[in-house]
Amino acid sequence: MEKQVIQSVGFRNIYEDGKAVGFQVKIRLPYYRGVFLSQIKPGSLKVDGEVFTKDQILWRINGEDYTAEEMHEDWKTHWHPMEPATLIVKKEGGLSQGYHDLEYGYCVTHSYMPPDLEALADPDKPEIVYFPEFGRNLNQRRLLIV
């Protein structure tokens, strides 16, 4: 895996019956312990300025797909830090060939952090307090689809 949260491997369009129906991008968890899905607060994905809300994104973890709402209720499924998650977005026609600027944010809760501090975390805004070991809320990367 790459050091960046947004991974270059796996960024591609998704096809059904020969037509592009969306795209996917892989992300990693920078936190060393892993988290349960209910600990994740998903944010919006921006691609070239176009915003896809958390409700338009499916997370694929351990081969299963989850909506943001399903993740909020799932306290059994664990996301291991060495396994990237795949974000799946439906978009008719997919993305055009070429470079794309991506920005994605998500937050995770930690059992030993003050709940009031983490309650203020907004996955779509830069973190209030930055702890390097937890990674950043917002992550940016320019990637290529061929």
N, C-alpha and C. Protein backbone atom coordinates (compact mmCIF):
# COMPACT_ATOMS: atom_id res chain seq x y z
N MET A 1 0.84 -1.19 0.00
CA MET A 1 0.00 0.00 0.00
C MET A 1 0.87 1.24 0.00
N GLU A 2 0.32 2.29 -0.55
CA GLU A 2 1.01 3.56 -0.58
C GLU A 2 0.80 4.31 0.73
N LYS A 3 1.67 5.26 1.01
CA LYS A 3 1.57 6.03 2.24
C LYS A 3 0.32 6.92 2.24
N GLN A 4 -0.02 7.49 1.07
CA GLN A 4 -1.17 8.37 0.99
C GLN A 4 -2.46 7.60 1.31
N VAL A 5 -3.43 8.31 1.88
CA VAL A 5 -4.72 7.68 2.19
C VAL A 5 -5.43 7.30 0.89
N ILE A 6 -5.46 8.20 -0.08
CA ILE A 6 -6.07 7.90 -1.37
C ILE A 6 -5.04 7.14 -2.20
N GLN A 7 -5.38 5.91 -2.54
CA GLN A 7 -4.45 5.03 -3.24
C GLN A 7 -4.57 5.21 -4.76
N SER A 8 -3.45 5.12 -5.47
CA SER A 8 -3.50 5.23 -6.93
C SER A 8 -3.96 3.92 -7.57
N VAL A 9 -3.60 2.81 -6.97
CA VAL A 9 -4.02 1.51 -7.49
C VAL A 9 -5.51 1.33 -7.20
N GLY A 10 -6.27 0.96 -8.21
CA GLY A 10 -7.70 0.73 -8.02
C GLY A 10 -8.58 1.90 -8.41
N PHE A 11 -7.99 2.99 -8.86
CA PHE A 11 -8.79 4.13 -9.32
C PHE A 11 -9.18 3.86 -10.77
N ARG A 12 -10.46 3.60 -11.01
CA ARG A 12 -10.91 3.25 -12.35
C ARG A 12 -12.43 3.36 -12.45
N ASN A 13 -12.89 3.32 -13.70
CA ASN A 13 -14.33 3.31 -13.95
C ASN A 13 -14.88 1.92 -13.71
N ILE A 14 -16.17 1.86 -13.43
CA ILE A 14 -16.89 0.61 -13.22
C ILE A 14 -17.83 0.42 -14.41
N TYR A 15 -17.82 -0.78 -14.97
CA TYR A 15 -18.61 -1.06 -16.17
C TYR A 15 -19.66 -2.12 -15.89
N GLU A 16 -20.83 -1.93 -16.50
CA GLU A 16 -21.90 -2.94 -16.51
C GLU A 16 -22.41 -3.02 -17.94
N ASP A 17 -22.45 -4.22 -18.48
CA ASP A 17 -22.89 -4.43 -19.86
C ASP A 17 -22.13 -3.54 -20.85
N GLY A 18 -20.84 -3.37 -20.59
CA GLY A 18 -19.99 -2.61 -21.49
C GLY A 18 -20.09 -1.09 -21.36
N LYS A 19 -20.91 -0.59 -20.45
CA LYS A 19 -21.08 0.86 -20.27
C LYS A 19 -20.55 1.27 -18.90
N ALA A 20 -19.86 2.42 -18.88
CA ALA A 20 -19.37 2.95 -17.62
C ALA A 20 -20.56 3.47 -16.81
N VAL A 21 -20.70 2.96 -15.59
CA VAL A 21 -21.82 3.35 -14.73
C VAL A 21 -21.35 4.05 -13.46
N GLY A 22 -20.06 4.21 -13.31
CA GLY A 22 -19.52 4.85 -12.12
C GLY A 22 -18.02 4.68 -12.06
N PHE A 23 -17.49 4.90 -10.88
CA PHE A 23 -16.05 4.76 -10.69
C PHE A 23 -15.77 4.32 -9.26
N GLN A 24 -14.53 3.92 -9.03
CA GLN A 24 -14.12 3.50 -7.69
C GLN A 24 -12.74 4.07 -7.39
N VAL A 25 -12.47 4.22 -6.13
CA VAL A 25 -11.17 4.65 -5.64
C VAL A 25 -10.92 3.93 -4.31
N LYS A 26 -9.68 3.55 -4.09
CA LYS A 26 -9.33 2.85 -2.84
C LYS A 26 -8.69 3.83 -1.87
N ILE A 27 -9.01 3.62 -0.61
CA ILE A 27 -8.42 4.42 0.46
C ILE A 27 -7.89 3.48 1.53
N ARG A 28 -6.95 3.98 2.30
CA ARG A 28 -6.42 3.18 3.40
C ARG A 28 -6.71 3.87 4.71
N LEU A 29 -6.59 3.10 5.76
CA LEU A 29 -6.77 3.60 7.11
C LEU A 29 -5.40 3.92 7.69
N PRO A 30 -5.12 5.17 8.03
CA PRO A 30 -3.80 5.50 8.56
C PRO A 30 -3.63 5.13 10.03
N TYR A 31 -4.70 4.72 10.68
CA TYR A 31 -4.66 4.39 12.11
C TYR A 31 -4.17 2.95 12.29
N TYR A 32 -3.19 2.73 13.12
CA TYR A 32 -2.50 1.45 13.23
C TYR A 32 -3.32 0.30 13.81
N ARG A 33 -4.41 0.58 14.51
CA ARG A 33 -5.15 -0.48 15.19
C ARG A 33 -6.32 -1.04 14.40
N GLY A 34 -6.75 -0.33 13.39
CA GLY A 34 -7.98 -0.73 12.71
C GLY A 34 -9.18 -0.21 13.48
N VAL A 35 -10.33 -0.23 12.86
CA VAL A 35 -11.55 0.28 13.49
C VAL A 35 -12.74 -0.57 13.08
N PHE A 36 -13.79 -0.50 13.88
CA PHE A 36 -15.06 -1.10 13.51
C PHE A 36 -15.82 -0.07 12.67
N LEU A 37 -16.69 -0.54 11.80
CA LEU A 37 -17.38 0.37 10.89
C LEU A 37 -18.15 1.46 11.60
N SER A 38 -18.70 1.15 12.76
CA SER A 38 -19.47 2.15 13.50
C SER A 38 -18.59 3.29 14.02
N GLN A 39 -17.28 3.14 13.98
CA GLN A 39 -16.36 4.19 14.41
C GLN A 39 -16.04 5.18 13.30
N ILE A 40 -16.48 4.90 12.08
CA ILE A 40 -16.14 5.72 10.93
C ILE A 40 -17.24 6.75 10.67
N LYS A 41 -16.83 7.98 10.47
CA LYS A 41 -17.75 9.06 10.07
C LYS A 41 -17.36 9.45 8.64
N PRO A 42 -18.07 8.87 7.63
CA PRO A 42 -17.72 9.16 6.23
C PRO A 42 -18.07 10.59 5.85
N GLY A 43 -17.31 11.11 4.90
CA GLY A 43 -17.57 12.44 4.38
C GLY A 43 -17.91 12.40 2.91
N SER A 44 -17.80 13.53 2.27
CA SER A 44 -18.08 13.67 0.84
C SER A 44 -16.80 13.44 0.04
N LEU A 45 -16.97 13.00 -1.19
CA LEU A 45 -15.86 12.83 -2.13
C LEU A 45 -16.00 13.91 -3.20
N LYS A 46 -14.92 14.65 -3.41
CA LYS A 46 -14.90 15.65 -4.48
C LYS A 46 -13.98 15.15 -5.58
N VAL A 47 -14.49 15.18 -6.80
CA VAL A 47 -13.69 14.84 -7.97
C VAL A 47 -13.81 16.00 -8.95
N ASP A 48 -12.70 16.67 -9.16
CA ASP A 48 -12.67 17.84 -10.05
C ASP A 48 -13.74 18.86 -9.67
N GLY A 49 -13.97 19.02 -8.38
CA GLY A 49 -14.94 19.99 -7.88
C GLY A 49 -16.36 19.46 -7.76
N GLU A 50 -16.66 18.33 -8.38
CA GLU A 50 -18.00 17.73 -8.27
C GLU A 50 -18.09 16.97 -6.95
N VAL A 51 -19.13 17.23 -6.18
CA VAL A 51 -19.27 16.65 -4.85
C VAL A 51 -20.21 15.45 -4.89
N PHE A 52 -19.73 14.34 -4.32
CA PHE A 52 -20.54 13.15 -4.12
C PHE A 52 -20.69 12.99 -2.62
N THR A 53 -21.92 13.07 -2.12
CA THR A 53 -22.15 13.03 -0.67
C THR A 53 -21.96 11.61 -0.14
N LYS A 54 -21.85 11.51 1.16
CA LYS A 54 -21.66 10.20 1.79
C LYS A 54 -22.78 9.22 1.44
N ASP A 55 -23.97 9.75 1.14
CA ASP A 55 -25.09 8.89 0.78
C ASP A 55 -25.01 8.37 -0.65
N GLN A 56 -24.09 8.90 -1.45
CA GLN A 56 -23.90 8.45 -2.83
C GLN A 56 -22.72 7.48 -2.94
N ILE A 57 -22.09 7.19 -1.82
CA ILE A 57 -20.87 6.39 -1.82
C ILE A 57 -21.10 5.07 -1.09
N LEU A 58 -20.74 3.97 -1.74
CA LEU A 58 -20.72 2.67 -1.07
C LEU A 58 -19.29 2.39 -0.65
N TRP A 59 -19.12 1.85 0.53
CA TRP A 59 -17.81 1.42 1.01
C TRP A 59 -17.75 -0.10 0.87
N ARG A 60 -16.72 -0.61 0.22
CA ARG A 60 -16.50 -2.05 0.14
C ARG A 60 -15.34 -2.40 1.08
N ILE A 61 -15.68 -3.15 2.11
CA ILE A 61 -14.70 -3.57 3.11
C ILE A 61 -14.87 -5.07 3.31
N ASN A 62 -13.77 -5.78 3.27
CA ASN A 62 -13.80 -7.25 3.42
C ASN A 62 -14.72 -7.90 2.40
N GLY A 63 -14.82 -7.32 1.20
CA GLY A 63 -15.64 -7.90 0.14
C GLY A 63 -17.13 -7.62 0.24
N GLU A 64 -17.55 -6.85 1.23
CA GLU A 64 -18.96 -6.52 1.41
C GLU A 64 -19.17 -5.03 1.21
N ASP A 65 -20.34 -4.65 0.68
CA ASP A 65 -20.66 -3.24 0.44
C ASP A 65 -21.54 -2.70 1.56
N TYR A 66 -21.25 -1.45 1.96
CA TYR A 66 -21.97 -0.80 3.05
C TYR A 66 -22.28 0.64 2.68
N THR A 67 -23.49 1.08 3.03
CA THR A 67 -23.83 2.50 2.94
C THR A 67 -23.33 3.17 4.22
N ALA A 68 -23.31 4.49 4.22
CA ALA A 68 -22.91 5.23 5.43
C ALA A 68 -23.83 4.89 6.60
N GLU A 69 -25.11 4.75 6.32
CA GLU A 69 -26.08 4.42 7.37
C GLU A 69 -25.82 3.02 7.94
N GLU A 70 -25.55 2.07 7.07
CA GLU A 70 -25.25 0.71 7.54
C GLU A 70 -23.97 0.68 8.38
N MET A 71 -22.98 1.46 7.97
CA MET A 71 -21.72 1.51 8.72
C MET A 71 -21.96 2.05 10.12
N HIS A 72 -22.80 3.05 10.23
CA HIS A 72 -23.08 3.68 11.53
C HIS A 72 -23.62 2.66 12.54
N GLU A 73 -24.35 1.67 12.05
CA GLU A 73 -24.96 0.67 12.92
C GLU A 73 -24.12 -0.60 13.09
N ASP A 74 -23.06 -0.74 12.33
CA ASP A 74 -22.28 -1.99 12.31
C ASP A 74 -21.10 -1.93 13.29
N TRP A 75 -21.24 -2.58 14.41
CA TRP A 75 -20.18 -2.60 15.43
C TRP A 75 -19.44 -3.93 15.44
N LYS A 76 -19.71 -4.79 14.43
CA LYS A 76 -19.06 -6.11 14.37
C LYS A 76 -17.98 -6.19 13.28
N THR A 77 -18.18 -5.47 12.17
CA THR A 77 -17.25 -5.56 11.05
C THR A 77 -16.03 -4.67 11.31
N HIS A 78 -14.86 -5.26 11.20
CA HIS A 78 -13.61 -4.56 11.48
C HIS A 78 -12.88 -4.25 10.19
N TRP A 79 -12.35 -3.02 10.09
CA TRP A 79 -11.53 -2.60 8.96
C TRP A 79 -10.08 -2.63 9.41
N HIS A 80 -9.33 -3.54 8.85
CA HIS A 80 -7.93 -3.74 9.21
C HIS A 80 -7.07 -2.69 8.49
N PRO A 81 -6.07 -2.14 9.16
CA PRO A 81 -5.26 -1.08 8.53
C PRO A 81 -4.44 -1.53 7.32
N MET A 82 -4.26 -2.81 7.12
CA MET A 82 -3.50 -3.29 5.96
C MET A 82 -4.39 -3.68 4.78
N GLU A 83 -5.70 -3.44 4.90
CA GLU A 83 -6.65 -3.74 3.83
C GLU A 83 -7.31 -2.46 3.36
N PRO A 84 -7.07 -2.04 2.13
CA PRO A 84 -7.74 -0.81 1.67
C PRO A 84 -9.24 -1.03 1.52
N ALA A 85 -9.98 0.04 1.71
CA ALA A 85 -11.42 0.04 1.44
C ALA A 85 -11.61 0.61 0.03
N THR A 86 -12.65 0.15 -0.64
CA THR A 86 -12.96 0.66 -1.97
C THR A 86 -14.21 1.52 -1.87
N LEU A 87 -14.11 2.76 -2.33
CA LEU A 87 -15.27 3.64 -2.39
C LEU A 87 -15.86 3.53 -3.79
N ILE A 88 -17.14 3.26 -3.87
CA ILE A 88 -17.83 3.05 -5.14
C ILE A 88 -18.88 4.14 -5.33
N VAL A 89 -18.81 4.81 -6.47
CA VAL A 89 -19.72 5.92 -6.76
C VAL A 89 -20.40 5.66 -8.11
N LYS A 90 -21.74 5.71 -8.11
CA LYS A 90 -22.48 5.60 -9.36
C LYS A 90 -22.45 6.96 -10.06
N LYS A 91 -22.05 6.95 -11.32
CA LYS A 91 -22.02 8.17 -12.13
C LYS A 91 -22.11 7.73 -13.58
N GLU A 92 -23.23 8.05 -14.20
CA GLU A 92 -23.43 7.63 -15.58
C GLU A 92 -22.27 8.12 -16.46
N GLY A 93 -21.68 7.19 -17.19
CA GLY A 93 -20.55 7.51 -18.05
C GLY A 93 -19.21 7.45 -17.35
N GLY A 94 -19.23 7.30 -16.02
CA GLY A 94 -17.97 7.24 -15.28
C GLY A 94 -17.21 8.55 -15.36
N LEU A 95 -15.90 8.46 -15.24
CA LEU A 95 -15.02 9.63 -15.35
C LEU A 95 -14.27 9.57 -16.68
N SER A 96 -13.97 10.73 -17.22
CA SER A 96 -13.24 10.79 -18.48
C SER A 96 -11.79 10.35 -18.28
N GLN A 97 -11.16 9.95 -19.39
CA GLN A 97 -9.74 9.62 -19.33
C GLN A 97 -8.97 10.87 -18.99
N GLY A 98 -7.89 10.69 -18.25
CA GLY A 98 -7.04 11.81 -17.89
C GLY A 98 -6.90 11.95 -16.39
N TYR A 99 -6.31 13.07 -16.00
CA TYR A 99 -6.06 13.32 -14.59
C TYR A 99 -7.29 13.89 -13.90
N HIS A 100 -7.47 13.50 -12.65
CA HIS A 100 -8.59 13.98 -11.84
C HIS A 100 -8.07 14.36 -10.46
N ASP A 101 -8.58 15.47 -9.95
CA ASP A 101 -8.24 15.93 -8.60
C ASP A 101 -9.29 15.41 -7.64
N LEU A 102 -8.83 14.62 -6.67
CA LEU A 102 -9.73 14.02 -5.69
C LEU A 102 -9.48 14.61 -4.31
N GLU A 103 -10.56 14.73 -3.57
CA GLU A 103 -10.47 15.12 -2.16
C GLU A 103 -11.48 14.27 -1.40
N TYR A 104 -11.01 13.58 -0.38
CA TYR A 104 -11.93 12.76 0.41
C TYR A 104 -11.58 12.87 1.88
N GLY A 105 -12.61 12.91 2.68
CA GLY A 105 -12.41 12.98 4.11
C GLY A 105 -13.29 12.00 4.86
N TYR A 106 -12.73 11.49 5.94
CA TYR A 106 -13.50 10.70 6.88
C TYR A 106 -12.81 10.81 8.23
N CYS A 107 -13.58 10.59 9.27
CA CYS A 107 -13.04 10.63 10.64
C CYS A 107 -13.31 9.28 11.28
N VAL A 108 -12.52 8.95 12.27
CA VAL A 108 -12.79 7.76 13.07
C VAL A 108 -12.70 8.12 14.54
N THR A 109 -13.49 7.43 15.35
CA THR A 109 -13.43 7.65 16.79
C THR A 109 -12.41 6.69 17.39
N HIS A 110 -11.88 7.06 18.54
CA HIS A 110 -10.88 6.26 19.24
C HIS A 110 -11.30 6.13 20.69
N SER A 111 -11.17 4.96 21.23
CA SER A 111 -11.67 4.70 22.58
C SER A 111 -11.01 5.54 23.65
N TYR A 112 -9.81 6.02 23.41
CA TYR A 112 -9.09 6.76 24.45
C TYR A 112 -9.04 8.27 24.20
N MET A 113 -9.84 8.74 23.26
CA MET A 113 -9.91 10.18 23.00
C MET A 113 -11.19 10.74 23.62
N PRO A 114 -11.16 11.98 24.07
CA PRO A 114 -12.36 12.58 24.65
C PRO A 114 -13.49 12.64 23.63
N PRO A 115 -14.66 12.10 23.96
CA PRO A 115 -15.79 12.10 23.01
C PRO A 115 -16.17 13.50 22.55
N ASP A 116 -16.08 14.50 23.42
CA ASP A 116 -16.44 15.86 23.03
C ASP A 116 -15.53 16.39 21.93
N LEU A 117 -14.25 16.03 21.99
CA LEU A 117 -13.31 16.46 20.97
C LEU A 117 -13.63 15.81 19.63
N GLU A 118 -13.91 14.53 19.66
CA GLU A 118 -14.21 13.81 18.41
C GLU A 118 -15.58 14.15 17.85
N ALA A 119 -16.50 14.55 18.71
CA ALA A 119 -17.83 14.94 18.24
C ALA A 119 -17.76 16.17 17.34
N LEU A 120 -16.74 17.00 17.53
CA LEU A 120 -16.58 18.20 16.72
C LEU A 120 -15.97 17.91 15.35
N ALA A 121 -15.44 16.71 15.17
CA ALA A 121 -14.76 16.37 13.91
C ALA A 121 -15.75 16.35 12.75
N ASP A 122 -15.40 17.04 11.69
CA ASP A 122 -16.21 17.09 10.49
C ASP A 122 -15.37 16.51 9.36
N PRO A 123 -15.80 15.39 8.76
CA PRO A 123 -14.98 14.76 7.72
C PRO A 123 -14.79 15.60 6.47
N ASP A 124 -15.60 16.63 6.30
CA ASP A 124 -15.49 17.48 5.12
C ASP A 124 -14.70 18.76 5.36
N LYS A 125 -14.13 18.89 6.56
CA LYS A 125 -13.34 20.08 6.89
C LYS A 125 -12.02 19.64 7.52
N PRO A 126 -11.00 20.48 7.40
CA PRO A 126 -9.72 20.13 8.05
C PRO A 126 -9.92 19.92 9.55
N GLU A 127 -9.11 19.04 10.11
CA GLU A 127 -9.25 18.69 11.52
C GLU A 127 -9.00 19.89 12.43
N ILE A 128 -9.69 19.89 13.56
CA ILE A 128 -9.53 20.95 14.55
C ILE A 128 -8.19 20.77 15.26
N VAL A 129 -7.92 19.55 15.66
CA VAL A 129 -6.65 19.20 16.29
C VAL A 129 -6.05 18.07 15.47
N TYR A 130 -4.81 18.22 15.05
CA TYR A 130 -4.18 17.20 14.20
C TYR A 130 -3.27 16.32 15.03
N PHE A 131 -3.56 15.01 15.00
CA PHE A 131 -2.71 14.00 15.62
C PHE A 131 -2.11 13.17 14.49
N PRO A 132 -0.82 13.26 14.23
CA PRO A 132 -0.22 12.56 13.08
C PRO A 132 -0.52 11.07 13.04
N GLU A 133 -0.61 10.44 14.20
CA GLU A 133 -0.82 8.99 14.22
C GLU A 133 -2.22 8.59 13.76
N PHE A 134 -3.15 9.54 13.68
CA PHE A 134 -4.52 9.23 13.25
C PHE A 134 -4.77 9.61 11.80
N GLY A 135 -3.85 10.31 11.17
CA GLY A 135 -4.06 10.75 9.80
C GLY A 135 -4.88 12.03 9.76
N ARG A 136 -5.08 12.54 8.59
CA ARG A 136 -5.84 13.78 8.39
C ARG A 136 -7.29 13.46 8.03
N ASN A 137 -8.20 14.39 8.36
CA ASN A 137 -9.60 14.24 7.94
C ASN A 137 -9.70 14.32 6.43
N LEU A 138 -9.12 15.37 5.85
CA LEU A 138 -9.21 15.60 4.41
C LEU A 138 -7.93 15.15 3.73
N ASN A 139 -8.09 14.43 2.65
CA ASN A 139 -6.95 13.92 1.90
C ASN A 139 -7.15 14.28 0.44
N GLN A 140 -6.06 14.71 -0.21
CA GLN A 140 -6.14 15.12 -1.61
C GLN A 140 -5.11 14.36 -2.44
N ARG A 141 -5.49 14.14 -3.68
CA ARG A 141 -4.56 13.46 -4.58
C ARG A 141 -5.01 13.68 -6.02
N ARG A 142 -4.06 13.73 -6.92
CA ARG A 142 -4.35 13.80 -8.35
C ARG A 142 -4.03 12.44 -8.92
N LEU A 143 -5.04 11.83 -9.57
CA LEU A 143 -4.88 10.48 -10.11
C LEU A 143 -5.29 10.44 -11.57
N LEU A 144 -4.84 9.40 -12.23
CA LEU A 144 -5.05 9.23 -13.67
C LEU A 144 -5.95 8.03 -13.96
N ILE A 145 -6.93 8.25 -14.83
CA ILE A 145 -7.73 7.15 -15.39
C ILE A 145 -7.36 7.05 -16.86
N VAL A 146 -7.00 5.82 -17.28
CA VAL A 146 -6.66 5.62 -18.69
C VAL A 146 -7.70 4.77 -19.38
